[in-house]
């Protein structure tokens, strides 16, 4: 079955799945009147988030605009962010990109004038705009030296040495050798 023919909507799918499928292919997946209302609430939640940046305030606005509970308002905000993207993260990333661009322009101007002190300051500002390495993603074990032991029959070793001298290795005529299993000592 081709990937395009796979059904996007199955029985038991959530409203989020159905609205997402509608955005992917509006002609194929029509929204019911209830799903249209839900989509309208999510769009209202996302739009209010872009203006107010406070989820609690947006939840209150949604409760006043639609007959929903506080819990439903927060679920709508969560689903809106899943569907349309995280407003706060996009806002921060956008501001960071603008600051980087301003620092880059200042760096170029300083370099053109030969002002190295200002150029260094702009360079430091550009570095501050770059995302930081998350300490949770850092794995110090990757930096440790680990001894690698490879064992091979003498015939294979001789062919490797010969290929290093000639630049070409022919391993086709080597008969199958028994494999040696090296178990980890830990």
N, C-alpha and C. Protein backbone atom coordinates (compact mmCIF):
# COMPACT_ATOMS: atom_id res chain seq x y z
N UNK A 1 0.85 -1.18 0.00
CA UNK A 1 0.00 0.00 0.00
C UNK A 1 0.89 1.24 0.00
N UNK A 2 0.61 2.18 -0.84
CA UNK A 2 1.41 3.39 -0.93
C UNK A 2 1.22 4.24 0.31
N UNK A 3 2.24 5.02 0.62
CA UNK A 3 2.19 5.84 1.83
C UNK A 3 1.06 6.87 1.76
N UNK A 4 0.74 7.36 0.57
CA UNK A 4 -0.31 8.37 0.43
C UNK A 4 -1.69 7.80 0.71
N UNK A 5 -1.85 6.48 0.54
CA UNK A 5 -3.16 5.86 0.70
C UNK A 5 -3.43 5.41 2.12
N UNK A 6 -2.47 5.58 3.02
CA UNK A 6 -2.67 5.18 4.41
C UNK A 6 -3.68 6.13 5.04
N UNK A 7 -4.66 5.57 5.73
CA UNK A 7 -5.69 6.39 6.34
C UNK A 7 -5.11 7.21 7.48
N UNK A 8 -5.39 8.50 7.47
CA UNK A 8 -4.92 9.37 8.54
C UNK A 8 -5.82 9.30 9.76
N UNK A 9 -7.08 8.94 9.54
CA UNK A 9 -8.04 8.93 10.63
C UNK A 9 -8.56 7.52 10.82
N UNK A 10 -8.53 7.07 12.04
CA UNK A 10 -9.05 5.75 12.41
C UNK A 10 -10.11 5.94 13.48
N UNK A 11 -10.89 4.90 13.72
CA UNK A 11 -11.85 4.95 14.81
C UNK A 11 -11.09 5.09 16.13
N UNK A 12 -11.58 5.94 17.00
CA UNK A 12 -10.94 6.14 18.29
C UNK A 12 -9.89 7.24 18.29
N UNK A 13 -9.64 7.87 17.15
CA UNK A 13 -8.67 8.96 17.12
C UNK A 13 -9.23 10.17 17.88
N UNK A 14 -8.34 10.96 18.41
CA UNK A 14 -8.74 12.14 19.17
C UNK A 14 -9.12 13.27 18.22
N UNK A 15 -9.69 14.31 18.79
CA UNK A 15 -10.01 15.50 17.99
C UNK A 15 -8.75 16.11 17.40
N UNK A 16 -7.66 16.06 18.15
CA UNK A 16 -6.39 16.59 17.66
C UNK A 16 -5.96 15.84 16.40
N UNK A 17 -6.08 14.51 16.40
CA UNK A 17 -5.72 13.72 15.22
C UNK A 17 -6.60 14.09 14.03
N UNK A 18 -7.88 14.28 14.28
CA UNK A 18 -8.81 14.58 13.19
C UNK A 18 -8.59 15.98 12.62
N UNK A 19 -8.33 16.96 13.49
CA UNK A 19 -8.07 18.32 13.01
C UNK A 19 -6.73 18.36 12.27
N UNK A 20 -5.74 17.64 12.81
CA UNK A 20 -4.44 17.58 12.14
C UNK A 20 -4.58 16.96 10.75
N UNK A 21 -5.36 15.88 10.64
CA UNK A 21 -5.59 15.25 9.33
C UNK A 21 -6.29 16.23 8.39
N UNK A 22 -7.21 17.03 8.92
CA UNK A 22 -7.89 18.03 8.10
C UNK A 22 -6.89 19.05 7.55
N UNK A 23 -5.96 19.49 8.37
CA UNK A 23 -4.95 20.44 7.90
C UNK A 23 -4.03 19.80 6.87
N UNK A 24 -3.77 18.50 7.00
CA UNK A 24 -2.91 17.82 6.03
C UNK A 24 -3.61 17.68 4.68
N UNK A 25 -4.91 17.36 4.70
CA UNK A 25 -5.65 17.15 3.46
C UNK A 25 -7.11 17.56 3.67
N UNK A 26 -7.43 18.86 3.51
CA UNK A 26 -8.79 19.35 3.80
C UNK A 26 -9.86 18.75 2.89
N UNK A 27 -9.49 18.40 1.65
CA UNK A 27 -10.49 17.83 0.74
C UNK A 27 -10.90 16.43 1.16
N UNK A 28 -9.95 15.69 1.66
CA UNK A 28 -10.22 14.29 2.03
C UNK A 28 -10.83 14.16 3.42
N UNK A 29 -10.44 15.04 4.34
CA UNK A 29 -10.88 14.92 5.73
C UNK A 29 -11.66 16.17 6.12
N UNK A 30 -12.96 16.09 6.06
CA UNK A 30 -13.84 17.20 6.43
C UNK A 30 -14.08 17.18 7.94
N UNK A 31 -14.22 18.36 8.51
CA UNK A 31 -14.50 18.47 9.93
C UNK A 31 -16.00 18.51 10.17
N UNK A 32 -16.40 17.88 11.25
CA UNK A 32 -17.80 17.96 11.67
C UNK A 32 -18.01 19.33 12.31
N UNK A 33 -19.26 19.74 12.51
CA UNK A 33 -19.50 21.04 13.16
C UNK A 33 -18.85 21.13 14.55
N UNK A 34 -18.86 20.04 15.31
CA UNK A 34 -18.24 20.04 16.64
C UNK A 34 -16.72 20.18 16.51
N UNK A 35 -16.13 19.49 15.55
CA UNK A 35 -14.68 19.60 15.33
C UNK A 35 -14.30 21.00 14.85
N UNK A 36 -15.16 21.64 14.09
CA UNK A 36 -14.89 23.01 13.65
C UNK A 36 -14.88 23.96 14.85
N UNK A 37 -15.79 23.72 15.80
CA UNK A 37 -15.83 24.54 17.02
C UNK A 37 -14.57 24.33 17.84
N UNK A 38 -14.15 23.08 17.96
CA UNK A 38 -12.92 22.77 18.70
C UNK A 38 -11.72 23.45 18.03
N UNK A 39 -11.64 23.34 16.72
CA UNK A 39 -10.55 23.98 15.98
C UNK A 39 -10.58 25.50 16.17
N UNK A 40 -11.77 26.07 16.20
CA UNK A 40 -11.90 27.52 16.43
C UNK A 40 -11.38 27.91 17.81
N UNK A 41 -11.70 27.07 18.83
CA UNK A 41 -11.20 27.34 20.19
C UNK A 41 -9.68 27.25 20.24
N UNK A 42 -9.12 26.25 19.56
CA UNK A 42 -7.66 26.09 19.56
C UNK A 42 -6.98 27.27 18.87
N UNK A 43 -7.57 27.71 17.78
CA UNK A 43 -7.00 28.87 17.08
C UNK A 43 -7.10 30.12 17.95
N UNK A 44 -8.21 30.26 18.66
CA UNK A 44 -8.38 31.39 19.57
C UNK A 44 -7.36 31.31 20.71
N UNK A 45 -7.14 30.11 21.22
CA UNK A 45 -6.15 29.94 22.30
C UNK A 45 -4.76 30.30 21.83
N UNK A 46 -4.39 29.83 20.65
CA UNK A 46 -3.05 30.11 20.13
C UNK A 46 -2.88 31.60 19.83
N UNK A 47 -3.91 32.21 19.28
CA UNK A 47 -3.84 33.64 18.98
C UNK A 47 -3.72 34.46 20.27
N UNK A 48 -4.46 34.08 21.29
CA UNK A 48 -4.37 34.78 22.57
C UNK A 48 -3.00 34.57 23.20
N UNK A 49 -2.40 33.38 23.03
CA UNK A 49 -1.06 33.14 23.54
C UNK A 49 -0.03 34.05 22.88
N UNK A 50 -0.21 34.31 21.60
CA UNK A 50 0.74 35.20 20.92
C UNK A 50 0.66 36.61 21.48
N UNK A 51 -0.51 37.00 21.96
CA UNK A 51 -0.68 38.36 22.49
C UNK A 51 -0.32 38.46 23.97
N UNK A 52 -0.79 37.52 24.79
CA UNK A 52 -0.65 37.65 26.24
C UNK A 52 0.51 36.85 26.84
N UNK A 53 0.94 35.77 26.21
CA UNK A 53 2.08 34.95 26.66
C UNK A 53 1.87 34.30 28.02
N UNK A 54 0.68 34.34 28.56
CA UNK A 54 0.41 33.79 29.88
C UNK A 54 -0.74 32.78 29.74
N UNK A 55 -0.46 31.51 30.02
CA UNK A 55 -1.46 30.47 29.81
C UNK A 55 -2.65 30.61 30.74
N UNK A 56 -2.43 31.07 31.95
CA UNK A 56 -3.54 31.24 32.89
C UNK A 56 -4.49 32.33 32.40
N UNK A 57 -3.93 33.43 31.92
CA UNK A 57 -4.75 34.52 31.39
C UNK A 57 -5.51 34.06 30.15
N UNK A 58 -4.86 33.28 29.30
CA UNK A 58 -5.51 32.78 28.09
C UNK A 58 -6.64 31.82 28.46
N UNK A 59 -6.42 30.99 29.49
CA UNK A 59 -7.47 30.07 29.93
C UNK A 59 -8.71 30.84 30.39
N UNK A 60 -8.50 31.94 31.10
CA UNK A 60 -9.63 32.77 31.56
C UNK A 60 -10.36 33.36 30.36
N UNK A 61 -9.61 33.82 29.37
CA UNK A 61 -10.22 34.39 28.15
C UNK A 61 -11.05 33.34 27.43
N UNK A 62 -10.51 32.12 27.33
CA UNK A 62 -11.25 31.04 26.66
C UNK A 62 -12.53 30.70 27.42
N UNK A 63 -12.46 30.68 28.75
CA UNK A 63 -13.65 30.37 29.54
C UNK A 63 -14.74 31.42 29.36
N UNK A 64 -14.34 32.68 29.19
CA UNK A 64 -15.34 33.73 28.97
C UNK A 64 -15.92 33.66 27.56
N UNK A 65 -15.09 33.28 26.60
CA UNK A 65 -15.54 33.27 25.21
C UNK A 65 -16.34 32.02 24.86
N UNK A 66 -16.05 30.90 25.51
CA UNK A 66 -16.71 29.62 25.18
C UNK A 66 -17.20 28.98 26.48
N UNK A 67 -18.27 28.22 26.39
CA UNK A 67 -18.79 27.56 27.61
C UNK A 67 -17.98 26.29 27.93
N UNK A 68 -16.76 26.48 28.44
CA UNK A 68 -15.90 25.35 28.77
C UNK A 68 -15.36 25.51 30.18
N UNK A 69 -14.89 24.40 30.76
CA UNK A 69 -14.32 24.45 32.10
C UNK A 69 -12.88 24.93 32.03
N UNK A 70 -12.33 25.21 33.20
CA UNK A 70 -10.93 25.66 33.29
C UNK A 70 -9.99 24.55 32.78
N UNK A 71 -10.27 23.31 33.17
CA UNK A 71 -9.43 22.19 32.73
C UNK A 71 -9.47 22.05 31.21
N UNK A 72 -10.67 22.21 30.63
CA UNK A 72 -10.79 22.12 29.18
C UNK A 72 -10.05 23.25 28.49
N UNK A 73 -10.05 24.43 29.10
CA UNK A 73 -9.32 25.56 28.53
C UNK A 73 -7.83 25.26 28.48
N UNK A 74 -7.29 24.68 29.54
CA UNK A 74 -5.87 24.33 29.53
C UNK A 74 -5.57 23.20 28.54
N UNK A 75 -6.51 22.25 28.41
CA UNK A 75 -6.32 21.20 27.39
C UNK A 75 -6.34 21.80 25.99
N UNK A 76 -7.20 22.78 25.77
CA UNK A 76 -7.25 23.45 24.47
C UNK A 76 -5.94 24.19 24.18
N UNK A 77 -5.38 24.82 25.20
CA UNK A 77 -4.09 25.51 25.03
C UNK A 77 -3.01 24.51 24.67
N UNK A 78 -2.98 23.38 25.38
CA UNK A 78 -1.98 22.35 25.10
C UNK A 78 -2.13 21.81 23.68
N UNK A 79 -3.37 21.52 23.27
CA UNK A 79 -3.60 21.00 21.92
C UNK A 79 -3.28 22.04 20.85
N UNK A 80 -3.57 23.31 21.15
CA UNK A 80 -3.24 24.37 20.20
C UNK A 80 -1.73 24.45 19.98
N UNK A 81 -0.97 24.32 21.06
CA UNK A 81 0.49 24.35 20.92
C UNK A 81 1.00 23.12 20.18
N UNK A 82 0.36 21.97 20.38
CA UNK A 82 0.77 20.78 19.63
C UNK A 82 0.48 20.96 18.14
N UNK A 83 -0.63 21.58 17.83
CA UNK A 83 -1.05 21.71 16.44
C UNK A 83 -0.33 22.86 15.73
N UNK A 84 -0.24 24.01 16.38
CA UNK A 84 0.30 25.20 15.73
C UNK A 84 1.73 25.55 16.13
N UNK A 85 2.24 24.93 17.19
CA UNK A 85 3.60 25.22 17.64
C UNK A 85 3.61 26.00 18.93
N UNK A 86 4.72 25.93 19.64
CA UNK A 86 4.88 26.60 20.92
C UNK A 86 5.15 28.08 20.69
N UNK A 87 4.23 28.92 21.11
CA UNK A 87 4.33 30.36 20.90
C UNK A 87 5.51 30.95 21.65
N UNK A 88 5.67 30.57 22.90
CA UNK A 88 6.71 31.18 23.72
C UNK A 88 8.10 30.81 23.20
N UNK A 89 8.31 29.57 22.80
CA UNK A 89 9.60 29.15 22.28
C UNK A 89 9.89 29.86 20.96
N UNK A 90 8.88 29.97 20.12
CA UNK A 90 9.07 30.66 18.84
C UNK A 90 9.39 32.13 19.06
N UNK A 91 8.76 32.74 20.05
CA UNK A 91 9.01 34.14 20.35
C UNK A 91 10.45 34.34 20.84
N UNK A 92 10.91 33.47 21.72
CA UNK A 92 12.27 33.57 22.25
C UNK A 92 13.28 33.32 21.13
N UNK A 93 13.03 32.32 20.31
CA UNK A 93 13.95 32.03 19.20
C UNK A 93 13.99 33.19 18.21
N UNK A 94 12.85 33.82 17.97
CA UNK A 94 12.81 34.97 17.07
C UNK A 94 13.59 36.15 17.63
N UNK A 95 13.42 36.42 18.92
CA UNK A 95 14.16 37.52 19.54
C UNK A 95 15.66 37.24 19.52
N UNK A 96 16.03 35.99 19.78
CA UNK A 96 17.44 35.61 19.76
C UNK A 96 18.02 35.81 18.35
N UNK A 97 17.26 35.45 17.33
CA UNK A 97 17.73 35.62 15.95
C UNK A 97 17.90 37.09 15.61
N UNK A 98 16.97 37.94 16.06
CA UNK A 98 17.11 39.38 15.81
C UNK A 98 18.34 39.96 16.52
N UNK A 99 18.54 39.57 17.77
CA UNK A 99 19.71 40.07 18.50
C UNK A 99 21.00 39.60 17.85
N UNK A 100 21.02 38.38 17.38
CA UNK A 100 22.21 37.88 16.69
C UNK A 100 22.48 38.69 15.42
N UNK A 101 21.41 38.99 14.69
CA UNK A 101 21.56 39.76 13.45
C UNK A 101 22.10 41.17 13.74
N UNK A 102 21.58 41.81 14.78
CA UNK A 102 22.07 43.14 15.15
C UNK A 102 23.54 43.08 15.57
N UNK A 103 23.91 42.06 16.34
CA UNK A 103 25.30 41.92 16.78
C UNK A 103 26.21 41.64 15.59
N UNK A 104 25.72 40.87 14.64
CA UNK A 104 26.52 40.57 13.44
C UNK A 104 26.78 41.84 12.63
N UNK A 105 25.74 42.66 12.47
CA UNK A 105 25.91 43.93 11.74
C UNK A 105 26.91 44.84 12.47
N UNK A 106 26.80 44.92 13.80
CA UNK A 106 27.74 45.72 14.57
C UNK A 106 29.16 45.18 14.46
N UNK A 107 29.29 43.86 14.45
CA UNK A 107 30.62 43.24 14.31
C UNK A 107 31.23 43.60 12.95
N UNK A 108 30.44 43.49 11.89
CA UNK A 108 30.95 43.82 10.55
C UNK A 108 31.36 45.29 10.46
N UNK A 109 30.55 46.17 11.03
CA UNK A 109 30.86 47.60 11.01
C UNK A 109 32.14 47.89 11.79
N UNK A 110 32.27 47.27 12.96
CA UNK A 110 33.47 47.47 13.78
C UNK A 110 34.71 46.96 13.07
N UNK A 111 34.60 45.82 12.43
CA UNK A 111 35.75 45.27 11.71
C UNK A 111 36.13 46.16 10.54
N UNK A 112 35.13 46.72 9.85
CA UNK A 112 35.42 47.61 8.72
C UNK A 112 36.14 48.87 9.19
N UNK A 113 35.80 49.35 10.40
CA UNK A 113 36.43 50.55 10.94
C UNK A 113 37.76 50.23 11.63
N UNK A 114 38.02 48.94 11.86
CA UNK A 114 39.25 48.55 12.54
C UNK A 114 39.17 48.67 14.04
N UNK A 115 37.98 48.78 14.59
CA UNK A 115 37.77 48.90 16.04
C UNK A 115 37.65 47.50 16.64
N UNK A 116 38.77 46.94 17.04
CA UNK A 116 38.80 45.55 17.53
C UNK A 116 38.10 45.39 18.89
N UNK A 117 38.14 46.41 19.72
CA UNK A 117 37.50 46.32 21.04
C UNK A 117 35.98 46.18 20.88
N UNK A 118 35.40 47.01 20.03
CA UNK A 118 33.95 46.92 19.78
C UNK A 118 33.62 45.61 19.06
N UNK A 119 34.49 45.19 18.14
CA UNK A 119 34.25 43.95 17.41
C UNK A 119 34.21 42.77 18.37
N UNK A 120 35.11 42.77 19.36
CA UNK A 120 35.11 41.69 20.35
C UNK A 120 33.81 41.70 21.14
N UNK A 121 33.33 42.88 21.52
CA UNK A 121 32.07 42.98 22.25
C UNK A 121 30.90 42.44 21.44
N UNK A 122 30.86 42.79 20.15
CA UNK A 122 29.79 42.27 19.30
C UNK A 122 29.93 40.77 19.10
N UNK A 123 31.17 40.31 19.01
CA UNK A 123 31.40 38.87 18.86
C UNK A 123 30.90 38.12 20.09
N UNK A 124 31.17 38.65 21.27
CA UNK A 124 30.67 38.04 22.51
C UNK A 124 29.14 38.06 22.56
N UNK A 125 28.55 39.14 22.07
CA UNK A 125 27.09 39.23 22.03
C UNK A 125 26.51 38.18 21.08
N UNK A 126 27.19 37.96 19.96
CA UNK A 126 26.72 36.93 19.02
C UNK A 126 26.80 35.56 19.66
N UNK A 127 27.87 35.30 20.41
CA UNK A 127 28.03 34.02 21.08
C UNK A 127 26.92 33.80 22.11
N UNK A 128 26.53 34.86 22.79
CA UNK A 128 25.46 34.75 23.79
C UNK A 128 24.11 34.41 23.15
N UNK A 129 23.94 34.78 21.89
CA UNK A 129 22.67 34.52 21.21
C UNK A 129 22.55 33.07 20.73
N UNK A 130 23.67 32.38 20.65
CA UNK A 130 23.63 30.99 20.20
C UNK A 130 23.09 30.10 21.30
N UNK A 131 22.38 29.03 20.94
CA UNK A 131 21.83 28.15 21.98
C UNK A 131 22.95 27.47 22.77
N UNK A 132 22.73 27.31 24.04
CA UNK A 132 23.70 26.70 24.93
C UNK A 132 23.60 25.17 24.85
N UNK A 133 24.72 24.52 25.09
CA UNK A 133 24.73 23.06 25.17
C UNK A 133 24.03 22.67 26.46
N UNK A 134 23.04 21.83 26.34
CA UNK A 134 22.28 21.40 27.50
C UNK A 134 23.10 20.38 28.29
N UNK A 135 23.27 20.61 29.57
CA UNK A 135 24.07 19.71 30.40
C UNK A 135 23.46 18.32 30.45
N UNK A 136 22.15 18.20 30.30
CA UNK A 136 21.51 16.90 30.33
C UNK A 136 21.89 16.06 29.12
N UNK A 137 22.23 16.70 28.00
CA UNK A 137 22.61 15.97 26.80
C UNK A 137 24.08 15.62 26.76
N UNK A 138 24.88 16.16 27.67
CA UNK A 138 26.32 15.91 27.66
C UNK A 138 26.61 14.56 28.27
N UNK A 139 27.38 13.74 27.55
CA UNK A 139 27.73 12.42 28.04
C UNK A 139 29.25 12.33 28.12
N UNK A 140 29.86 12.42 29.31
CA UNK A 140 31.31 12.42 29.43
C UNK A 140 31.93 11.10 29.03
N UNK A 141 31.15 10.01 29.02
CA UNK A 141 31.70 8.71 28.63
C UNK A 141 32.14 8.70 27.17
N UNK A 142 31.56 9.56 26.36
CA UNK A 142 31.96 9.62 24.95
C UNK A 142 33.38 10.14 24.79
N UNK A 143 33.87 10.90 25.78
CA UNK A 143 35.20 11.47 25.69
C UNK A 143 36.28 10.55 26.25
N UNK A 144 35.88 9.49 26.95
CA UNK A 144 36.85 8.58 27.55
C UNK A 144 37.51 7.72 26.48
N UNK A 145 38.79 7.41 26.71
CA UNK A 145 39.51 6.54 25.80
C UNK A 145 39.10 5.10 26.08
N UNK A 146 38.70 4.41 25.06
CA UNK A 146 38.35 3.00 25.20
C UNK A 146 39.24 2.19 24.28
N UNK A 147 39.88 1.19 24.85
CA UNK A 147 40.80 0.36 24.10
C UNK A 147 40.01 -0.54 23.17
N UNK A 148 40.42 -0.58 21.91
CA UNK A 148 39.77 -1.41 20.91
C UNK A 148 40.71 -2.57 20.58
N UNK A 149 40.21 -3.78 20.70
CA UNK A 149 41.01 -4.96 20.41
C UNK A 149 40.36 -5.68 19.24
N UNK A 150 41.16 -5.91 18.20
CA UNK A 150 40.68 -6.64 17.03
C UNK A 150 41.55 -7.87 16.86
N UNK A 151 40.93 -8.99 16.70
CA UNK A 151 41.66 -10.23 16.52
C UNK A 151 41.31 -10.80 15.15
N UNK A 152 42.34 -11.24 14.41
CA UNK A 152 42.12 -11.80 13.08
C UNK A 152 43.14 -12.90 12.82
N UNK A 153 42.82 -13.83 11.92
CA UNK A 153 43.79 -14.86 11.57
C UNK A 153 45.04 -14.24 10.93
N UNK A 154 46.16 -14.93 11.01
CA UNK A 154 47.43 -14.41 10.51
C UNK A 154 47.36 -14.10 9.02
N UNK A 155 46.63 -14.91 8.25
CA UNK A 155 46.50 -14.68 6.82
C UNK A 155 45.87 -13.32 6.54
N UNK A 156 44.84 -12.96 7.30
CA UNK A 156 44.17 -11.67 7.12
C UNK A 156 45.13 -10.54 7.50
N UNK A 157 45.86 -10.71 8.59
CA UNK A 157 46.82 -9.68 9.01
C UNK A 157 47.87 -9.47 7.94
N UNK A 158 48.38 -10.58 7.35
CA UNK A 158 49.38 -10.46 6.28
C UNK A 158 48.82 -9.71 5.08
N UNK A 159 47.56 -9.97 4.73
CA UNK A 159 46.93 -9.27 3.59
C UNK A 159 46.76 -7.78 3.89
N UNK A 160 46.41 -7.44 5.12
CA UNK A 160 46.25 -6.03 5.48
C UNK A 160 47.59 -5.32 5.37
N UNK A 161 48.65 -5.94 5.86
CA UNK A 161 49.99 -5.35 5.77
C UNK A 161 50.39 -5.19 4.31
N UNK A 162 50.12 -6.20 3.48
CA UNK A 162 50.46 -6.12 2.05
C UNK A 162 49.66 -5.02 1.36
N UNK A 163 48.40 -4.86 1.73
CA UNK A 163 47.59 -3.81 1.10
C UNK A 163 48.08 -2.43 1.50
N UNK A 164 48.67 -2.30 2.71
CA UNK A 164 49.24 -1.03 3.13
C UNK A 164 50.46 -0.66 2.31
N UNK A 165 51.19 -1.64 1.85
CA UNK A 165 52.38 -1.39 1.04
C UNK A 165 52.02 -1.09 -0.41
N UNK A 166 51.05 -1.86 -0.94
CA UNK A 166 50.72 -1.71 -2.36
C UNK A 166 49.57 -0.72 -2.59
N UNK A 167 48.76 -0.51 -1.58
CA UNK A 167 47.62 0.39 -1.73
C UNK A 167 46.36 -0.32 -2.18
N UNK A 168 46.46 -1.61 -2.48
CA UNK A 168 45.31 -2.38 -2.93
C UNK A 168 45.26 -3.66 -2.11
N UNK A 169 44.08 -4.02 -1.64
CA UNK A 169 43.94 -5.26 -0.88
C UNK A 169 42.97 -6.20 -1.56
N UNK A 170 43.40 -7.45 -1.74
CA UNK A 170 42.53 -8.46 -2.33
C UNK A 170 42.20 -9.47 -1.25
N UNK A 171 40.95 -9.40 -0.76
CA UNK A 171 40.53 -10.28 0.31
C UNK A 171 39.60 -11.38 -0.19
N UNK A 172 39.48 -11.52 -1.49
CA UNK A 172 38.56 -12.51 -2.06
C UNK A 172 39.05 -13.94 -1.92
N UNK A 173 40.36 -14.16 -1.86
CA UNK A 173 40.89 -15.51 -1.85
C UNK A 173 41.12 -16.04 -0.44
N UNK A 174 40.71 -15.30 0.56
CA UNK A 174 40.87 -15.75 1.94
C UNK A 174 39.74 -16.71 2.25
N UNK A 175 40.10 -17.89 2.74
CA UNK A 175 39.08 -18.87 3.10
C UNK A 175 38.43 -18.44 4.41
N UNK A 176 37.22 -18.91 4.62
CA UNK A 176 36.52 -18.57 5.85
C UNK A 176 37.29 -19.08 7.05
N UNK A 177 37.44 -18.25 8.03
CA UNK A 177 38.13 -18.62 9.26
C UNK A 177 37.11 -18.63 10.39
N UNK A 178 37.47 -19.31 11.44
CA UNK A 178 36.58 -19.34 12.59
C UNK A 178 36.57 -17.97 13.25
N UNK A 179 35.40 -17.56 13.67
CA UNK A 179 35.29 -16.28 14.33
C UNK A 179 35.66 -16.42 15.79
N UNK A 180 36.37 -15.44 16.29
CA UNK A 180 36.74 -15.42 17.70
C UNK A 180 35.86 -14.40 18.36
N UNK A 181 35.13 -14.82 19.37
CA UNK A 181 34.24 -13.93 20.09
C UNK A 181 35.00 -13.34 21.27
N UNK A 182 35.06 -12.04 21.32
CA UNK A 182 35.72 -11.36 22.44
C UNK A 182 34.63 -10.80 23.32
N UNK A 183 34.61 -11.25 24.55
CA UNK A 183 33.59 -10.80 25.48
C UNK A 183 34.11 -9.60 26.25
N UNK A 184 33.21 -8.72 26.57
CA UNK A 184 33.56 -7.54 27.33
C UNK A 184 33.94 -7.96 28.75
N UNK A 185 35.02 -7.37 29.27
CA UNK A 185 35.50 -7.75 30.59
C UNK A 185 34.62 -7.24 31.71
N UNK A 186 33.79 -6.22 31.45
CA UNK A 186 32.98 -5.62 32.51
C UNK A 186 31.81 -6.47 32.85
